[in-house]
PDB file of all heavy atoms in Angstrom:
ATOM      1  N   ARG A   1      -1.627  -3.663  -9.131  1.00  0.00           N
ATOM      2  CA  ARG A   1      -1.472  -4.975  -8.496  1.00  0.00           C
ATOM      3  C   ARG A   1      -0.103  -5.587  -8.831  1.00  0.00           C
ATOM      4  O   ARG A   1       0.332  -6.537  -8.174  1.00  0.00           O
ATOM      5  CB  ARG A   1      -2.592  -5.918  -8.942  1.00  0.00           C
ATOM      6  CG  ARG A   1      -3.921  -5.687  -8.241  1.00  0.00           C
ATOM      7  CD  ARG A   1      -4.019  -6.464  -6.925  1.00  0.00           C
ATOM      8  NE  ARG A   1      -5.221  -6.110  -6.197  1.00  0.00           N
ATOM      9  CZ  ARG A   1      -6.395  -6.737  -6.335  1.00  0.00           C
ATOM     10  NH1 ARG A   1      -6.505  -7.743  -7.191  1.00  0.00           N
ATOM     11  NH2 ARG A   1      -7.439  -6.355  -5.634  1.00  0.00           N
ATOM     12  N   ASN A   2       0.557  -5.079  -9.865  1.00  0.00           N
ATOM     13  CA  ASN A   2       1.886  -5.559 -10.229  1.00  0.00           C
ATOM     14  C   ASN A   2       3.004  -4.863  -9.461  1.00  0.00           C
ATOM     15  O   ASN A   2       4.179  -5.169  -9.674  1.00  0.00           O
ATOM     16  CB  ASN A   2       2.130  -5.355 -11.727  1.00  0.00           C
ATOM     17  CG  ASN A   2       1.255  -6.226 -12.595  1.00  0.00           C
ATOM     18  OD1 ASN A   2       0.792  -7.275 -12.155  1.00  0.00           O
ATOM     19  ND2 ASN A   2       1.009  -5.796 -13.828  1.00  0.00           N
ATOM     20  N   ILE A   3       2.632  -3.923  -8.600  1.00  0.00           N
ATOM     21  CA  ILE A   3       3.632  -3.126  -7.877  1.00  0.00           C
ATOM     22  C   ILE A   3       3.439  -3.374  -6.390  1.00  0.00           C
ATOM     23  O   ILE A   3       2.379  -3.081  -5.837  1.00  0.00           O
ATOM     24  CB  ILE A   3       3.470  -1.627  -8.189  1.00  0.00           C
ATOM     25  CG1 ILE A   3       3.475  -1.405  -9.709  1.00  0.00           C
ATOM     26  CG2 ILE A   3       4.573  -0.825  -7.524  1.00  0.00           C
ATOM     27  CD1 ILE A   3       3.043  -0.012 -10.115  1.00  0.00           C
ATOM     28  N   ILE A   4       4.448  -3.930  -5.733  1.00  0.00           N
ATOM     29  CA  ILE A   4       4.307  -4.370  -4.341  1.00  0.00           C
ATOM     30  C   ILE A   4       5.128  -3.462  -3.428  1.00  0.00           C
ATOM     31  O   ILE A   4       6.355  -3.335  -3.583  1.00  0.00           O
ATOM     32  CB  ILE A   4       4.768  -5.832  -4.170  1.00  0.00           C
ATOM     33  CG1 ILE A   4       4.116  -6.736  -5.221  1.00  0.00           C
ATOM     34  CG2 ILE A   4       4.457  -6.300  -2.758  1.00  0.00           C
ATOM     35  CD1 ILE A   4       2.613  -6.746  -5.216  1.00  0.00           C
ATOM     36  N   LEU A   5       4.430  -2.839  -2.481  1.00  0.00           N
ATOM     37  CA  LEU A   5       5.070  -2.016  -1.460  1.00  0.00           C
ATOM     38  C   LEU A   5       5.421  -2.883  -0.263  1.00  0.00           C
ATOM     39  O   LEU A   5       4.575  -3.639   0.233  1.00  0.00           O
ATOM     40  CB  LEU A   5       4.127  -0.898  -1.021  1.00  0.00           C
ATOM     41  CG  LEU A   5       4.583  -0.034   0.160  1.00  0.00           C
ATOM     42  CD1 LEU A   5       5.795   0.816  -0.223  1.00  0.00           C
ATOM     43  CD2 LEU A   5       3.430   0.843   0.657  1.00  0.00           C
ATOM     44  N   ARG A   6       6.665  -2.788   0.209  1.00  0.00           N
ATOM     45  CA  ARG A   6       7.089  -3.489   1.417  1.00  0.00           C
ATOM     46  C   ARG A   6       7.853  -2.531   2.322  1.00  0.00           C
ATOM     47  O   ARG A   6       8.610  -1.682   1.846  1.00  0.00           O
ATOM     48  CB  ARG A   6       7.983  -4.689   1.072  1.00  0.00           C
ATOM     49  CG  ARG A   6       7.276  -5.792   0.299  1.00  0.00           C
ATOM     50  CD  ARG A   6       8.191  -6.992   0.061  1.00  0.00           C
ATOM     51  NE  ARG A   6       7.504  -8.073  -0.639  1.00  0.00           N
ATOM     52  CZ  ARG A   6       7.469  -8.207  -1.965  1.00  0.00           C
ATOM     53  NH1 ARG A   6       8.110  -7.323  -2.738  1.00  0.00           N
ATOM     54  NH2 ARG A   6       6.818  -9.213  -2.521  1.00  0.00           N
ATOM     55  N   ILE A   7       7.645  -2.703   3.634  1.00  0.00           N
ATOM     56  CA  ILE A   7       8.392  -1.933   4.629  1.00  0.00           C
ATOM     57  C   ILE A   7       8.898  -2.898   5.683  1.00  0.00           C
ATOM     58  O   ILE A   7       8.139  -3.739   6.201  1.00  0.00           O
ATOM     59  CB  ILE A   7       7.525  -0.830   5.276  1.00  0.00           C
ATOM     60  CG1 ILE A   7       6.935   0.092   4.197  1.00  0.00           C
ATOM     61  CG2 ILE A   7       8.356  -0.013   6.265  1.00  0.00           C
ATOM     62  CD1 ILE A   7       6.019   1.179   4.732  1.00  0.00           C
ATOM     63  N   TYR A   8      10.180  -2.767   6.013  1.00  0.00           N
ATOM     64  CA  TYR A   8      10.847  -3.614   7.001  1.00  0.00           C
ATOM     65  C   TYR A   8      11.297  -2.734   8.168  1.00  0.00           C
ATOM     66  O   TYR A   8      11.889  -1.662   7.962  1.00  0.00           O
ATOM     67  CB  TYR A   8      12.080  -4.283   6.393  1.00  0.00           C
ATOM     68  CG  TYR A   8      11.830  -5.120   5.157  1.00  0.00           C
ATOM     69  CD1 TYR A   8      11.641  -4.517   3.904  1.00  0.00           C
ATOM     70  CD2 TYR A   8      11.796  -6.505   5.224  1.00  0.00           C
ATOM     71  CE1 TYR A   8      11.424  -5.277   2.760  1.00  0.00           C
ATOM     72  CE2 TYR A   8      11.580  -7.280   4.084  1.00  0.00           C
ATOM     73  CZ  TYR A   8      11.400  -6.653   2.861  1.00  0.00           C
ATOM     74  OH  TYR A   8      11.198  -7.414   1.735  1.00  0.00           O
ATOM     75  N   TRP A   9      11.028  -3.190   9.386  1.00  0.00           N
ATOM     76  CA  TRP A   9      11.382  -2.427  10.585  1.00  0.00           C
ATOM     77  C   TRP A   9      12.529  -3.099  11.340  1.00  0.00           C
ATOM     78  O   TRP A   9      12.522  -4.310  11.541  1.00  0.00           O
ATOM     79  CB  TRP A   9      10.192  -2.296  11.534  1.00  0.00           C
ATOM     80  CG  TRP A   9       8.958  -1.655  10.971  1.00  0.00           C
ATOM     81  CD1 TRP A   9       7.699  -2.182  10.949  1.00  0.00           C
ATOM     82  CD2 TRP A   9       8.850  -0.356  10.375  1.00  0.00           C
ATOM     83  NE1 TRP A   9       6.823  -1.302  10.378  1.00  0.00           N
ATOM     84  CE2 TRP A   9       7.493  -0.166  10.009  1.00  0.00           C
ATOM     85  CE3 TRP A   9       9.763   0.666  10.116  1.00  0.00           C
ATOM     86  CZ2 TRP A   9       7.036   0.996   9.400  1.00  0.00           C
ATOM     87  CZ3 TRP A   9       9.304   1.819   9.492  1.00  0.00           C
ATOM     88  CH2 TRP A   9       7.955   1.991   9.154  1.00  0.00           C
ATOM     89  N   ASP A  10      13.482  -2.283  11.756  1.00  0.00           N
ATOM     90  CA  ASP A  10      14.518  -2.675  12.727  1.00  0.00           C
ATOM     91  C   ASP A  10      15.263  -3.944  12.343  1.00  0.00           C
ATOM     92  O   ASP A  10      15.610  -4.775  13.188  1.00  0.00           O
ATOM     93  CB  ASP A  10      13.904  -2.836  14.127  1.00  0.00           C
ATOM     94  CG  ASP A  10      13.502  -1.494  14.725  1.00  0.00           C
ATOM     95  OD1 ASP A  10      13.613  -0.469  14.026  1.00  0.00           O
ATOM     96  OD2 ASP A  10      13.044  -1.464  15.879  1.00  0.00           O
ATOM     97  N   GLY A  11      15.520  -4.122  11.051  1.00  0.00           N
ATOM     98  CA  GLY A  11      16.344  -5.224  10.593  1.00  0.00           C
ATOM     99  C   GLY A  11      15.658  -6.569  10.472  1.00  0.00           C
ATOM    100  O   GLY A  11      16.337  -7.579  10.231  1.00  0.00           O
ATOM    101  N   GLN A  12      14.329  -6.640  10.635  1.00  0.00           N
ATOM    102  CA  GLN A  12      13.644  -7.916  10.450  1.00  0.00           C
ATOM    103  C   GLN A  12      13.826  -8.408   9.012  1.00  0.00           C
ATOM    104  O   GLN A  12      13.830  -7.625   8.073  1.00  0.00           O
ATOM    105  CB  GLN A  12      12.147  -7.790  10.759  1.00  0.00           C
ATOM    106  CG  GLN A  12      11.811  -7.689  12.224  1.00  0.00           C
ATOM    107  CD  GLN A  12      10.327  -7.944  12.502  1.00  0.00           C
ATOM    108  OE1 GLN A  12       9.980  -8.567  13.488  1.00  0.00           O
ATOM    109  NE2 GLN A  12       9.452  -7.475  11.640  1.00  0.00           N
ATOM    110  N   ASP A  13      13.955  -9.730   8.851  1.00  0.00           N
ATOM    111  CA  ASP A  13      14.141 -10.323   7.530  1.00  0.00           C
ATOM    112  C   ASP A  13      12.858 -10.304   6.701  1.00  0.00           C
ATOM    113  O   ASP A  13      12.909 -10.395   5.470  1.00  0.00           O
ATOM    114  CB  ASP A  13      14.627 -11.773   7.656  1.00  0.00           C
ATOM    115  CG  ASP A  13      16.017 -11.863   8.250  1.00  0.00           C
ATOM    116  OD1 ASP A  13      16.788 -10.898   8.093  1.00  0.00           O
ATOM    117  OD2 ASP A  13      16.324 -12.895   8.884  1.00  0.00           O
ATOM    118  N   PHE A  14      11.723 -10.220   7.352  1.00  0.00           N
ATOM    119  CA  PHE A  14      10.436 -10.240   6.654  1.00  0.00           C
ATOM    120  C   PHE A  14       9.740  -8.896   6.845  1.00  0.00           C
ATOM    121  O   PHE A  14       9.958  -8.196   7.840  1.00  0.00           O
ATOM    122  CB  PHE A  14       9.559 -11.381   7.166  1.00  0.00           C
ATOM    123  CG  PHE A  14       9.415 -11.441   8.656  1.00  0.00           C
ATOM    124  CD1 PHE A  14       8.442 -10.708   9.317  1.00  0.00           C
ATOM    125  CD2 PHE A  14      10.287 -12.217   9.414  1.00  0.00           C
ATOM    126  CE1 PHE A  14       8.311 -10.754  10.691  1.00  0.00           C
ATOM    127  CE2 PHE A  14      10.164 -12.273  10.799  1.00  0.00           C
ATOM    128  CZ  PHE A  14       9.182 -11.545  11.433  1.00  0.00           C
ATOM    129  N   PRO A  15       8.894  -8.505   5.877  1.00  0.00           N
ATOM    130  CA  PRO A  15       8.275  -7.188   5.956  1.00  0.00           C
ATOM    131  C   PRO A  15       7.126  -7.130   6.950  1.00  0.00           C
ATOM    132  O   PRO A  15       6.436  -8.122   7.189  1.00  0.00           O
ATOM    133  CB  PRO A  15       7.767  -6.953   4.529  1.00  0.00           C
ATOM    134  CG  PRO A  15       7.500  -8.334   4.013  1.00  0.00           C
ATOM    135  CD  PRO A  15       8.548  -9.219   4.637  1.00  0.00           C
ATOM    136  N   SER A  16       6.901  -5.939   7.476  1.00  0.00           N
ATOM    137  CA  SER A  16       5.706  -5.659   8.283  1.00  0.00           C
ATOM    138  C   SER A  16       4.605  -5.027   7.444  1.00  0.00           C
ATOM    139  O   SER A  16       3.450  -4.973   7.876  1.00  0.00           O
ATOM    140  CB  SER A  16       6.060  -4.738   9.449  1.00  0.00           C
ATOM    141  OG  SER A  16       6.951  -5.365  10.339  1.00  0.00           O
ATOM    142  N   VAL A  17       4.964  -4.545   6.273  1.00  0.00           N
ATOM    143  CA  VAL A  17       4.006  -4.065   5.281  1.00  0.00           C
ATOM    144  C   VAL A  17       4.312  -4.796   3.982  1.00  0.00           C
ATOM    145  O   VAL A  17       5.443  -4.785   3.509  1.00  0.00           O
ATOM    146  CB  VAL A  17       4.124  -2.546   5.062  1.00  0.00           C
ATOM    147  CG1 VAL A  17       3.244  -2.089   3.900  1.00  0.00           C
ATOM    148  CG2 VAL A  17       3.784  -1.783   6.334  1.00  0.00           C
ATOM    149  N   GLU A  18       3.295  -5.461   3.415  1.00  0.00           N
ATOM    150  CA  GLU A  18       3.436  -6.116   2.123  1.00  0.00           C
ATOM    151  C   GLU A  18       2.088  -6.049   1.436  1.00  0.00           C
ATOM    152  O   GLU A  18       1.132  -6.709   1.847  1.00  0.00           O
ATOM    153  CB  GLU A  18       3.893  -7.562   2.273  1.00  0.00           C
ATOM    154  CG  GLU A  18       4.174  -8.239   0.932  1.00  0.00           C
ATOM    155  CD  GLU A  18       4.746  -9.627   1.093  1.00  0.00           C
ATOM    156  OE1 GLU A  18       4.134 -10.432   1.836  1.00  0.00           O
ATOM    157  OE2 GLU A  18       5.801  -9.913   0.492  1.00  0.00           O
ATOM    158  N   CYS A  19       2.013  -5.231   0.377  1.00  0.00           N
ATOM    159  CA  CYS A  19       0.700  -4.928  -0.186  1.00  0.00           C
ATOM    160  C   CYS A  19       0.854  -4.382  -1.603  1.00  0.00           C
ATOM    161  O   CYS A  19       1.752  -3.565  -1.857  1.00  0.00           O
ATOM    162  CB  CYS A  19       0.014  -3.879   0.687  1.00  0.00           C
ATOM    163  SG  CYS A  19      -1.685  -3.512   0.250  1.00  0.00           S
ATOM    164  N   PRO A  20       0.004  -4.812  -2.532  1.00  0.00           N
ATOM    165  CA  PRO A  20      -0.021  -4.125  -3.831  1.00  0.00           C
ATOM    166  C   PRO A  20      -0.289  -2.636  -3.628  1.00  0.00           C
ATOM    167  O   PRO A  20      -1.090  -2.244  -2.782  1.00  0.00           O
ATOM    168  CB  PRO A  20      -1.183  -4.812  -4.561  1.00  0.00           C
ATOM    169  CG  PRO A  20      -1.284  -6.160  -3.929  1.00  0.00           C
ATOM    170  CD  PRO A  20      -0.940  -5.945  -2.477  1.00  0.00           C
ATOM    171  N   LEU A  21       0.386  -1.836  -4.430  1.00  0.00           N
ATOM    172  CA  LEU A  21       0.382  -0.392  -4.195  1.00  0.00           C
ATOM    173  C   LEU A  21      -1.019   0.197  -4.242  1.00  0.00           C
ATOM    174  O   LEU A  21      -1.410   0.981  -3.367  1.00  0.00           O
ATOM    175  CB  LEU A  21       1.278   0.294  -5.231  1.00  0.00           C
ATOM    176  CG  LEU A  21       1.527   1.771  -4.987  1.00  0.00           C
ATOM    177  CD1 LEU A  21       2.398   1.981  -3.759  1.00  0.00           C
ATOM    178  CD2 LEU A  21       2.183   2.409  -6.208  1.00  0.00           C
ATOM    179  N   GLY A  22      -1.803  -0.158  -5.252  1.00  0.00           N
ATOM    180  CA  GLY A  22      -3.144   0.419  -5.355  1.00  0.00           C
ATOM    181  C   GLY A  22      -4.025   0.067  -4.188  1.00  0.00           C
ATOM    182  O   GLY A  22      -4.770   0.910  -3.675  1.00  0.00           O
ATOM    183  N   ASP A  23      -3.959  -1.191  -3.735  1.00  0.00           N
ATOM    184  CA  ASP A  23      -4.785  -1.611  -2.602  1.00  0.00           C
ATOM    185  C   ASP A  23      -4.416  -0.863  -1.328  1.00  0.00           C
ATOM    186  O   ASP A  23      -5.296  -0.519  -0.528  1.00  0.00           O
ATOM    187  CB  ASP A  23      -4.640  -3.116  -2.392  1.00  0.00           C
ATOM    188  CG  ASP A  23      -5.231  -3.906  -3.552  1.00  0.00           C
ATOM    189  OD1 ASP A  23      -4.498  -4.119  -4.539  1.00  0.00           O
ATOM    190  OD2 ASP A  23      -6.405  -4.293  -3.481  1.00  0.00           O
ATOM    191  N   PHE A  24      -3.118  -0.592  -1.115  1.00  0.00           N
ATOM    192  CA  PHE A  24      -2.707   0.171   0.066  1.00  0.00           C
ATOM    193  C   PHE A  24      -3.353   1.551   0.075  1.00  0.00           C
ATOM    194  O   PHE A  24      -3.665   2.088   1.140  1.00  0.00           O
ATOM    195  CB  PHE A  24      -1.181   0.298   0.093  1.00  0.00           C
ATOM    196  CG  PHE A  24      -0.642   0.969   1.319  1.00  0.00           C
ATOM    197  CD1 PHE A  24      -0.369   0.236   2.470  1.00  0.00           C
ATOM    198  CD2 PHE A  24      -0.409   2.336   1.344  1.00  0.00           C
ATOM    199  CE1 PHE A  24       0.120   0.861   3.616  1.00  0.00           C
ATOM    200  CE2 PHE A  24       0.085   2.964   2.483  1.00  0.00           C
ATOM    201  CZ  PHE A  24       0.349   2.217   3.612  1.00  0.00           C
ATOM    202  N   PHE A  25      -3.572   2.116  -1.119  1.00  0.00           N
ATOM    203  CA  PHE A  25      -4.160   3.445  -1.230  1.00  0.00           C
ATOM    204  C   PHE A  25      -5.630   3.396  -1.650  1.00  0.00           C
ATOM    205  O   PHE A  25      -6.138   4.335  -2.270  1.00  0.00           O
ATOM    206  CB  PHE A  25      -3.348   4.283  -2.207  1.00  0.00           C
ATOM    207  CG  PHE A  25      -1.994   4.683  -1.686  1.00  0.00           C
ATOM    208  CD1 PHE A  25      -0.859   3.992  -2.073  1.00  0.00           C
ATOM    209  CD2 PHE A  25      -1.859   5.717  -0.774  1.00  0.00           C
ATOM    210  CE1 PHE A  25       0.388   4.339  -1.582  1.00  0.00           C
ATOM    211  CE2 PHE A  25      -0.621   6.079  -0.276  1.00  0.00           C
ATOM    212  CZ  PHE A  25       0.516   5.385  -0.675  1.00  0.00           C
ATOM    213  N   CYS A  26      -6.319   2.297  -1.293  1.00  0.00           N
ATOM    214  CA  CYS A  26      -7.767   2.177  -1.496  1.00  0.00           C
ATOM    215  C   CYS A  26      -8.179   2.171  -2.956  1.00  0.00           C
ATOM    216  O   CYS A  26      -9.336   2.461  -3.286  1.00  0.00           O
ATOM    217  CB  CYS A  26      -8.522   3.304  -0.766  1.00  0.00           C
ATOM    218  SG  CYS A  26      -8.165   3.450   0.985  1.00  0.00           S
ATOM    219  N   CYS A  27      -7.254   1.824  -3.860  1.00  0.00           N
ATOM    220  CA  CYS A  27      -7.539   1.775  -5.291  1.00  0.00           C
ATOM    221  C   CYS A  27      -7.272   0.363  -5.799  1.00  0.00           C
ATOM    222  O   CYS A  27      -6.412   0.129  -6.652  1.00  0.00           O
ATOM    223  CB  CYS A  27      -6.702   2.795  -6.055  1.00  0.00           C
ATOM    224  SG  CYS A  27      -7.080   4.518  -5.653  1.00  0.00           S
ATOM    225  N   GLY A  28      -8.028  -0.603  -5.264  1.00  0.00           N
ATOM    226  CA  GLY A  28      -7.756  -1.994  -5.535  1.00  0.00           C
ATOM    227  C   GLY A  28      -8.146  -2.460  -6.921  1.00  0.00           C
ATOM    228  O   GLY A  28      -7.711  -3.539  -7.350  1.00  0.00           O
ATOM    229  N   TRP A  29      -8.943  -1.679  -7.642  1.00  0.00           N
ATOM    230  CA  TRP A  29      -9.398  -2.118  -8.961  1.00  0.00           C
ATOM    231  C   TRP A  29      -8.623  -1.456 -10.091  1.00  0.00           C
ATOM    232  O   TRP A  29      -9.106  -1.392 -11.227  1.00  0.00           O
ATOM    233  CB  TRP A  29     -10.894  -1.857  -9.106  1.00  0.00           C
ATOM    234  CG  TRP A  29     -11.724  -2.659  -8.164  1.00  0.00           C
ATOM    235  CD1 TRP A  29     -12.592  -2.193  -7.213  1.00  0.00           C
ATOM    236  CD2 TRP A  29     -11.776  -4.091  -8.078  1.00  0.00           C
ATOM    237  NE1 TRP A  29     -13.167  -3.215  -6.529  1.00  0.00           N
ATOM    238  CE2 TRP A  29     -12.684  -4.411  -7.046  1.00  0.00           C
ATOM    239  CE3 TRP A  29     -11.140  -5.128  -8.758  1.00  0.00           C
ATOM    240  CZ2 TRP A  29     -12.970  -5.715  -6.670  1.00  0.00           C
ATOM    241  CZ3 TRP A  29     -11.421  -6.439  -8.385  1.00  0.00           C
ATOM    242  CH2 TRP A  29     -12.324  -6.723  -7.368  1.00  0.00           C
ATOM    243  N   ASN A  30      -7.427  -0.961  -9.804  1.00  0.00           N
ATOM    244  CA  ASN A  30      -6.565  -0.345 -10.817  1.00  0.00           C
ATOM    245  C   ASN A  30      -7.213   0.868 -11.475  1.00  0.00           C
ATOM    246  O   ASN A  30      -6.911   1.218 -12.618  1.00  0.00           O
ATOM    247  CB  ASN A  30      -6.172  -1.354 -11.912  1.00  0.00           C
ATOM    248  CG  ASN A  30      -5.137  -2.364 -11.426  1.00  0.00           C
ATOM    249  OD1 ASN A  30      -4.491  -2.155 -10.408  1.00  0.00           O
ATOM    250  ND2 ASN A  30      -4.994  -3.460 -12.152  1.00  0.00           N
ATOM    251  N   GLU A  31      -8.109   1.505 -10.749  1.00  0.00           N
ATOM    252  CA  GLU A  31      -8.730   2.744 -11.211  1.00  0.00           C
ATOM    253  C   GLU A  31      -8.452   3.832 -10.184  1.00  0.00           C
ATOM    254  O   GLU A  31      -8.585   3.611  -8.977  1.00  0.00           O
ATOM    255  CB  GLU A  31     -10.245   2.570 -11.361  1.00  0.00           C
ATOM    256  CG  GLU A  31     -10.680   1.510 -12.378  1.00  0.00           C
ATOM    257  CD  GLU A  31     -10.556   1.988 -13.805  1.00  0.00           C
ATOM    258  OE1 GLU A  31     -10.358   3.206 -14.005  1.00  0.00           O
ATOM    259  OE2 GLU A  31     -10.658   1.139 -14.709  1.00  0.00           O
ATOM    260  N   GLU A  32      -8.052   4.998 -10.669  1.00  0.00           N
ATOM    261  CA  GLU A  32      -7.799   6.115  -9.755  1.00  0.00           C
ATOM    262  C   GLU A  32      -9.118   6.582  -9.142  1.00  0.00           C
ATOM    263  O   GLU A  32     -10.074   6.886  -9.860  1.00  0.00           O
ATOM    264  CB  GLU A  32      -7.142   7.279 -10.484  1.00  0.00           C
ATOM    265  CG  GLU A  32      -6.877   8.470  -9.584  1.00  0.00           C
ATOM    266  CD  GLU A  32      -6.302   9.654 -10.340  1.00  0.00           C
ATOM    267  OE1 GLU A  32      -6.221   9.577 -11.586  1.00  0.00           O
ATOM    268  OE2 GLU A  32      -5.975  10.661  -9.700  1.00  0.00           O
ATOM    269  N   GLU A  33      -9.155   6.615  -7.824  1.00  0.00           N
ATOM    270  CA  GLU A  33     -10.336   7.073  -7.097  1.00  0.00           C
ATOM    271  C   GLU A  33      -9.927   8.184  -6.141  1.00  0.00           C
ATOM    272  O   GLU A  33      -8.968   8.032  -5.392  1.00  0.00           O
ATOM    273  CB  GLU A  33     -10.965   5.915  -6.309  1.00  0.00           C
ATOM    274  CG  GLU A  33     -11.306   4.695  -7.144  1.00  0.00           C
ATOM    275  CD  GLU A  33     -12.397   4.947  -8.169  1.00  0.00           C
ATOM    276  OE1 GLU A  33     -13.135   5.933  -8.018  1.00  0.00           O
ATOM    277  OE2 GLU A  33     -12.495   4.150  -9.129  1.00  0.00           O
ATOM    278  N   GLN A  34     -10.620   9.294  -6.181  1.00  0.00           N
ATOM    279  CA  GLN A  34     -10.305  10.394  -5.274  1.00  0.00           C
ATOM    280  C   GLN A  34     -10.700   9.999  -3.855  1.00  0.00           C
ATOM    281  O   GLN A  34     -11.837   9.562  -3.606  1.00  0.00           O
ATOM    282  CB  GLN A  34     -11.036  11.664  -5.709  1.00  0.00           C
ATOM    283  CG  GLN A  34     -10.510  12.939  -5.079  1.00  0.00           C
ATOM    284  CD  GLN A  34     -11.127  13.224  -3.733  1.00  0.00           C
ATOM    285  OE1 GLN A  34     -12.309  12.960  -3.522  1.00  0.00           O
ATOM    286  NE2 GLN A  34     -10.355  13.767  -2.818  1.00  0.00           N
ATOM    287  N   ILE A  35      -9.760  10.096  -2.932  1.00  0.00           N
ATOM    288  CA  ILE A  35      -9.971   9.723  -1.527  1.00  0.00           C
ATOM    289  C   ILE A  35      -9.640  10.923  -0.650  1.00  0.00           C
ATOM    290  O   ILE A  35      -8.559  11.517  -0.775  1.00  0.00           O
ATOM    291  CB  ILE A  35      -9.060   8.545  -1.094  1.00  0.00           C
ATOM    292  CG1 ILE A  35      -9.212   7.353  -2.037  1.00  0.00           C
ATOM    293  CG2 ILE A  35      -9.343   8.157   0.354  1.00  0.00           C
ATOM    294  CD1 ILE A  35     -10.533   6.673  -1.959  1.00  0.00           C
ATOM    295  N   THR A  36     -10.559  11.272   0.233  1.00  0.00           N
ATOM    296  CA  THR A  36     -10.309  12.327   1.215  1.00  0.00           C
ATOM    297  C   THR A  36     -10.510  11.723   2.590  1.00  0.00           C
ATOM    298  O   THR A  36     -11.634  11.621   3.087  1.00  0.00           O
ATOM    299  CB  THR A  36     -11.273  13.505   1.010  1.00  0.00           C
ATOM    300  OG1 THR A  36     -11.143  14.005  -0.322  1.00  0.00           O
ATOM    301  CG2 THR A  36     -10.968  14.630   1.998  1.00  0.00           C
ATOM    302  N   SER A  37      -9.424  11.268   3.204  1.00  0.00           N
ATOM    303  CA  SER A  37      -9.494  10.725   4.553  1.00  0.00           C
ATOM    304  C   SER A  37      -8.282  11.211   5.327  1.00  0.00           C
ATOM    305  O   SER A  37      -7.362  11.803   4.755  1.00  0.00           O
ATOM    306  CB  SER A  37      -9.564   9.192   4.533  1.00  0.00           C
ATOM    307  OG  SER A  37      -8.297   8.601   4.338  1.00  0.00           O
ATOM    308  N   LEU A  38      -8.283  10.957   6.616  1.00  0.00           N
ATOM    309  CA  LEU A  38      -7.165  11.463   7.429  1.00  0.00           C
ATOM    310  C   LEU A  38      -5.843  10.792   7.094  1.00  0.00           C
ATOM    311  O   LEU A  38      -4.851  11.477   6.833  1.00  0.00           O
ATOM    312  CB  LEU A  38      -7.493  11.310   8.911  1.00  0.00           C
ATOM    313  CG  LEU A  38      -8.512  12.300   9.469  1.00  0.00           C
ATOM    314  CD1 LEU A  38      -8.801  12.000  10.927  1.00  0.00           C
ATOM    315  CD2 LEU A  38      -8.011  13.728   9.328  1.00  0.00           C
ATOM    316  N   PRO A  39      -5.740   9.453   7.080  1.00  0.00           N
ATOM    317  CA  PRO A  39      -4.433   8.857   6.847  1.00  0.00           C
ATOM    318  C   PRO A  39      -4.100   8.586   5.390  1.00  0.00           C
ATOM    319  O   PRO A  39      -2.930   8.422   5.052  1.00  0.00           O
ATOM    320  CB  PRO A  39      -4.521   7.540   7.625  1.00  0.00           C
ATOM    321  CG  PRO A  39      -5.960   7.168   7.556  1.00  0.00           C
ATOM    322  CD  PRO A  39      -6.716   8.466   7.563  1.00  0.00           C
ATOM    323  N   ILE A  40      -5.101   8.529   4.513  1.00  0.00           N
ATOM    324  CA  ILE A  40      -4.874   8.247   3.102  1.00  0.00           C
ATOM    325  C   ILE A  40      -5.598   9.278   2.256  1.00  0.00           C
ATOM    326  O   ILE A  40      -6.802   9.513   2.432  1.00  0.00           O
ATOM    327  CB  ILE A  40      -5.365   6.827   2.719  1.00  0.00           C
ATOM    328  CG1 ILE A  40      -4.546   5.755   3.417  1.00  0.00           C
ATOM    329  CG2 ILE A  40      -5.331   6.641   1.202  1.00  0.00           C
ATOM    330  CD1 ILE A  40      -3.099   5.642   2.968  1.00  0.00           C
ATOM    331  N   CYS A  41      -4.870   9.872   1.303  1.00  0.00           N
ATOM    332  CA  CYS A  41      -5.465  10.773   0.326  1.00  0.00           C
ATOM    333  C   CYS A  41      -5.000  10.338  -1.063  1.00  0.00           C
ATOM    334  O   CYS A  41      -3.813  10.036  -1.259  1.00  0.00           O
ATOM    335  CB  CYS A  41      -5.043  12.220   0.554  1.00  0.00           C
ATOM    336  SG  CYS A  41      -5.628  12.940   2.100  1.00  0.00           S
TER     337      CYS A  41
END
């Protein structure tokens, strides 16, 4: 939760992705969880 992922497209001043790293990867409770899905592993 202390690590924030951001992605900016085509020079926009504000991000289109802004999310704590674990939550983006379905690990919102700071615990590693094995995930087998199409877009996120």
